[in-house]
Amino acid sequence: MTNLAKILKKNKEQYAKIIIEEMGKPLAQSYAEIDKCVRLCEYYAEYAESFLGDEIIPTEFSKSFVLKSWNSGFQLLLFEL
């Protein structure tokens, strides 16, 4: 995760251009998305061990699912790690 944060920082402009082209976000929002991903990577790197355990959350259904936003592509990738 630390290495991914470094890669995101190094290639921030290139990735922001992809976000602009693929999703039509303004430049400032594209940079902000990459910056948020860097912070997420650094956070996950620091706290990964505590996140590895299973967490069962009882609901009234046999299975429950979490829905995620579709228009933050880079963030979606990180949430799936």
N, C-alpha and C. Protein backbone atom coordinates (compact mmCIF):
# COMPACT_ATOMS: atom_id res chain seq x y z
N MET A 1 0.82 -1.18 0.00
CA MET A 1 0.00 0.00 0.00
C MET A 1 0.88 1.26 0.00
N THR A 2 1.97 1.18 0.71
CA THR A 2 2.89 2.32 0.74
C THR A 2 3.45 2.57 -0.66
N ASN A 3 3.80 1.50 -1.35
CA ASN A 3 4.32 1.65 -2.71
C ASN A 3 3.26 2.21 -3.65
N LEU A 4 2.02 1.76 -3.49
CA LEU A 4 0.94 2.29 -4.33
C LEU A 4 0.75 3.78 -4.08
N ALA A 5 0.83 4.20 -2.83
CA ALA A 5 0.71 5.63 -2.52
C ALA A 5 1.82 6.42 -3.24
N LYS A 6 3.03 5.89 -3.25
CA LYS A 6 4.14 6.55 -3.93
C LYS A 6 3.90 6.64 -5.43
N ILE A 7 3.37 5.55 -6.01
CA ILE A 7 3.08 5.53 -7.45
C ILE A 7 1.99 6.55 -7.79
N LEU A 8 0.95 6.60 -6.97
CA LEU A 8 -0.13 7.56 -7.20
C LEU A 8 0.39 8.99 -7.14
N LYS A 9 1.24 9.28 -6.15
CA LYS A 9 1.82 10.62 -6.03
C LYS A 9 2.67 10.95 -7.26
N LYS A 10 3.49 10.00 -7.66
CA LYS A 10 4.41 10.22 -8.78
C LYS A 10 3.66 10.47 -10.09
N ASN A 11 2.56 9.76 -10.28
CA ASN A 11 1.81 9.83 -11.55
C ASN A 11 0.50 10.59 -11.43
N LYS A 12 0.41 11.47 -10.44
CA LYS A 12 -0.84 12.18 -10.15
C LYS A 12 -1.41 12.88 -11.38
N GLU A 13 -0.59 13.60 -12.10
CA GLU A 13 -1.08 14.35 -13.25
C GLU A 13 -1.61 13.42 -14.34
N GLN A 14 -0.89 12.35 -14.61
CA GLN A 14 -1.33 11.38 -15.62
C GLN A 14 -2.68 10.76 -15.24
N TYR A 15 -2.83 10.37 -13.98
CA TYR A 15 -4.08 9.75 -13.53
C TYR A 15 -5.22 10.76 -13.52
N ALA A 16 -4.92 12.00 -13.16
CA ALA A 16 -5.96 13.04 -13.18
C ALA A 16 -6.49 13.24 -14.61
N LYS A 17 -5.60 13.19 -15.58
CA LYS A 17 -6.02 13.33 -16.99
C LYS A 17 -6.94 12.18 -17.39
N ILE A 18 -6.65 10.99 -16.90
CA ILE A 18 -7.52 9.84 -17.20
C ILE A 18 -8.91 10.07 -16.61
N ILE A 19 -8.96 10.55 -15.40
CA ILE A 19 -10.24 10.81 -14.74
C ILE A 19 -11.03 11.86 -15.54
N ILE A 20 -10.34 12.90 -15.98
CA ILE A 20 -10.99 13.94 -16.77
C ILE A 20 -11.56 13.36 -18.06
N GLU A 21 -10.75 12.57 -18.76
CA GLU A 21 -11.17 11.99 -20.04
C GLU A 21 -12.28 10.96 -19.87
N GLU A 22 -12.17 10.10 -18.87
CA GLU A 22 -13.10 8.99 -18.71
C GLU A 22 -14.40 9.38 -18.01
N MET A 23 -14.32 10.32 -17.05
CA MET A 23 -15.49 10.64 -16.24
C MET A 23 -15.93 12.09 -16.36
N GLY A 24 -15.13 12.91 -17.01
CA GLY A 24 -15.50 14.30 -17.21
C GLY A 24 -15.41 15.18 -15.97
N LYS A 25 -14.64 14.75 -14.99
CA LYS A 25 -14.49 15.57 -13.78
C LYS A 25 -13.56 16.74 -14.06
N PRO A 26 -13.76 17.86 -13.37
CA PRO A 26 -12.83 18.98 -13.49
C PRO A 26 -11.45 18.60 -12.92
N LEU A 27 -10.44 19.35 -13.32
CA LEU A 27 -9.07 19.06 -12.91
C LEU A 27 -8.92 19.04 -11.38
N ALA A 28 -9.48 20.03 -10.70
CA ALA A 28 -9.34 20.11 -9.24
C ALA A 28 -9.94 18.88 -8.57
N GLN A 29 -11.09 18.43 -9.04
CA GLN A 29 -11.72 17.24 -8.47
C GLN A 29 -10.92 15.98 -8.79
N SER A 30 -10.32 15.95 -9.96
CA SER A 30 -9.49 14.81 -10.34
C SER A 30 -8.26 14.71 -9.45
N TYR A 31 -7.61 15.83 -9.22
CA TYR A 31 -6.47 15.85 -8.29
C TYR A 31 -6.91 15.43 -6.89
N ALA A 32 -8.06 15.93 -6.47
CA ALA A 32 -8.56 15.61 -5.13
C ALA A 32 -8.82 14.11 -4.98
N GLU A 33 -9.33 13.48 -6.05
CA GLU A 33 -9.57 12.04 -5.99
C GLU A 33 -8.26 11.26 -5.82
N ILE A 34 -7.24 11.66 -6.56
CA ILE A 34 -5.95 10.99 -6.43
C ILE A 34 -5.37 11.23 -5.04
N ASP A 35 -5.46 12.46 -4.55
CA ASP A 35 -4.95 12.77 -3.20
C ASP A 35 -5.67 11.93 -2.14
N LYS A 36 -6.97 11.77 -2.31
CA LYS A 36 -7.74 10.95 -1.35
C LYS A 36 -7.27 9.50 -1.41
N CYS A 37 -7.00 9.02 -2.60
CA CYS A 37 -6.51 7.65 -2.75
C CYS A 37 -5.15 7.47 -2.08
N VAL A 38 -4.29 8.47 -2.21
CA VAL A 38 -2.99 8.41 -1.54
C VAL A 38 -3.19 8.30 -0.03
N ARG A 39 -4.07 9.14 0.51
CA ARG A 39 -4.33 9.09 1.95
C ARG A 39 -4.92 7.75 2.36
N LEU A 40 -5.81 7.19 1.53
CA LEU A 40 -6.39 5.87 1.83
C LEU A 40 -5.30 4.80 1.84
N CYS A 41 -4.41 4.83 0.88
CA CYS A 41 -3.33 3.85 0.84
C CYS A 41 -2.47 3.95 2.09
N GLU A 42 -2.12 5.16 2.47
CA GLU A 42 -1.30 5.35 3.65
C GLU A 42 -2.03 4.88 4.91
N TYR A 43 -3.31 5.15 4.97
CA TYR A 43 -4.13 4.73 6.11
C TYR A 43 -4.21 3.20 6.17
N TYR A 44 -4.51 2.56 5.03
CA TYR A 44 -4.59 1.10 4.99
C TYR A 44 -3.25 0.47 5.35
N ALA A 45 -2.16 1.06 4.89
CA ALA A 45 -0.83 0.52 5.21
C ALA A 45 -0.59 0.55 6.72
N GLU A 46 -1.05 1.60 7.36
CA GLU A 46 -0.84 1.73 8.79
C GLU A 46 -1.74 0.81 9.61
N TYR A 47 -2.99 0.62 9.16
CA TYR A 47 -3.97 -0.10 9.97
C TYR A 47 -4.40 -1.44 9.38
N ALA A 48 -3.72 -1.94 8.37
CA ALA A 48 -4.14 -3.15 7.65
C ALA A 48 -4.35 -4.34 8.58
N GLU A 49 -3.47 -4.54 9.50
CA GLU A 49 -3.56 -5.71 10.36
C GLU A 49 -4.88 -5.75 11.13
N SER A 50 -5.33 -4.61 11.59
CA SER A 50 -6.58 -4.59 12.35
C SER A 50 -7.81 -4.78 11.45
N PHE A 51 -7.64 -4.58 10.13
CA PHE A 51 -8.77 -4.74 9.20
C PHE A 51 -8.92 -6.17 8.68
N LEU A 52 -7.96 -7.04 8.94
CA LEU A 52 -7.96 -8.36 8.32
C LEU A 52 -8.98 -9.33 8.91
N GLY A 53 -9.46 -9.08 10.10
CA GLY A 53 -10.42 -10.00 10.70
C GLY A 53 -11.81 -9.86 10.10
N ASP A 54 -12.56 -10.95 10.14
CA ASP A 54 -13.94 -10.92 9.67
C ASP A 54 -14.80 -10.12 10.63
N GLU A 55 -15.78 -9.45 10.07
CA GLU A 55 -16.75 -8.73 10.88
C GLU A 55 -18.15 -9.12 10.40
N ILE A 56 -18.86 -9.85 11.22
CA ILE A 56 -20.21 -10.27 10.89
C ILE A 56 -21.16 -9.23 11.47
N ILE A 57 -21.99 -8.69 10.62
CA ILE A 57 -22.97 -7.71 11.06
C ILE A 57 -24.35 -8.31 10.85
N PRO A 58 -25.05 -8.64 11.91
CA PRO A 58 -26.36 -9.27 11.75
C PRO A 58 -27.38 -8.31 11.13
N THR A 59 -28.13 -8.86 10.19
CA THR A 59 -29.25 -8.12 9.59
C THR A 59 -30.44 -9.06 9.54
N GLU A 60 -31.56 -8.54 9.13
CA GLU A 60 -32.77 -9.37 9.05
C GLU A 60 -32.77 -10.26 7.80
N PHE A 61 -31.80 -10.09 6.94
CA PHE A 61 -31.73 -10.83 5.69
C PHE A 61 -30.63 -11.90 5.77
N SER A 62 -30.72 -12.88 4.89
CA SER A 62 -29.69 -13.92 4.89
C SER A 62 -28.36 -13.39 4.35
N LYS A 63 -28.42 -12.44 3.41
CA LYS A 63 -27.23 -11.80 2.87
C LYS A 63 -27.52 -10.31 2.69
N SER A 64 -26.53 -9.49 2.96
CA SER A 64 -26.63 -8.06 2.74
C SER A 64 -25.44 -7.61 1.91
N PHE A 65 -25.62 -6.58 1.14
CA PHE A 65 -24.56 -6.08 0.28
C PHE A 65 -24.36 -4.59 0.51
N VAL A 66 -23.14 -4.15 0.27
CA VAL A 66 -22.82 -2.74 0.38
C VAL A 66 -22.70 -2.18 -1.03
N LEU A 67 -23.39 -1.08 -1.29
CA LEU A 67 -23.31 -0.42 -2.59
C LEU A 67 -22.31 0.71 -2.52
N LYS A 68 -21.58 0.89 -3.62
CA LYS A 68 -20.56 1.92 -3.67
C LYS A 68 -20.82 2.86 -4.85
N SER A 69 -20.36 4.06 -4.69
CA SER A 69 -20.47 5.06 -5.75
C SER A 69 -19.71 4.59 -7.00
N TRP A 70 -20.21 4.89 -8.17
CA TRP A 70 -19.57 4.45 -9.41
C TRP A 70 -18.66 5.51 -10.00
N ASN A 71 -18.79 6.77 -9.58
CA ASN A 71 -18.08 7.84 -10.28
C ASN A 71 -16.79 8.27 -9.59
N SER A 72 -16.22 7.41 -8.83
CA SER A 72 -14.90 7.66 -8.22
C SER A 72 -14.05 6.43 -8.47
N GLY A 73 -13.70 6.25 -9.72
CA GLY A 73 -13.05 5.02 -10.17
C GLY A 73 -11.81 4.61 -9.41
N PHE A 74 -10.92 5.54 -9.15
CA PHE A 74 -9.71 5.20 -8.43
C PHE A 74 -10.03 4.79 -7.00
N GLN A 75 -10.96 5.50 -6.36
CA GLN A 75 -11.35 5.15 -5.00
C GLN A 75 -12.02 3.78 -4.96
N LEU A 76 -12.84 3.48 -5.95
CA LEU A 76 -13.49 2.17 -5.99
C LEU A 76 -12.47 1.06 -5.97
N LEU A 77 -11.40 1.23 -6.73
CA LEU A 77 -10.36 0.22 -6.76
C LEU A 77 -9.79 0.00 -5.36
N LEU A 78 -9.52 1.07 -4.65
CA LEU A 78 -8.94 0.95 -3.31
C LEU A 78 -9.91 0.31 -2.33
N PHE A 79 -11.19 0.59 -2.46
CA PHE A 79 -12.16 0.01 -1.56
C PHE A 79 -12.29 -1.49 -1.75
N GLU A 80 -11.88 -1.98 -2.91
CA GLU A 80 -11.98 -3.42 -3.19
C GLU A 80 -10.77 -4.19 -2.68
N LEU A 81 -9.74 -3.49 -2.23
CA LEU A 81 -8.53 -4.18 -1.76
C LEU A 81 -8.76 -4.89 -0.46
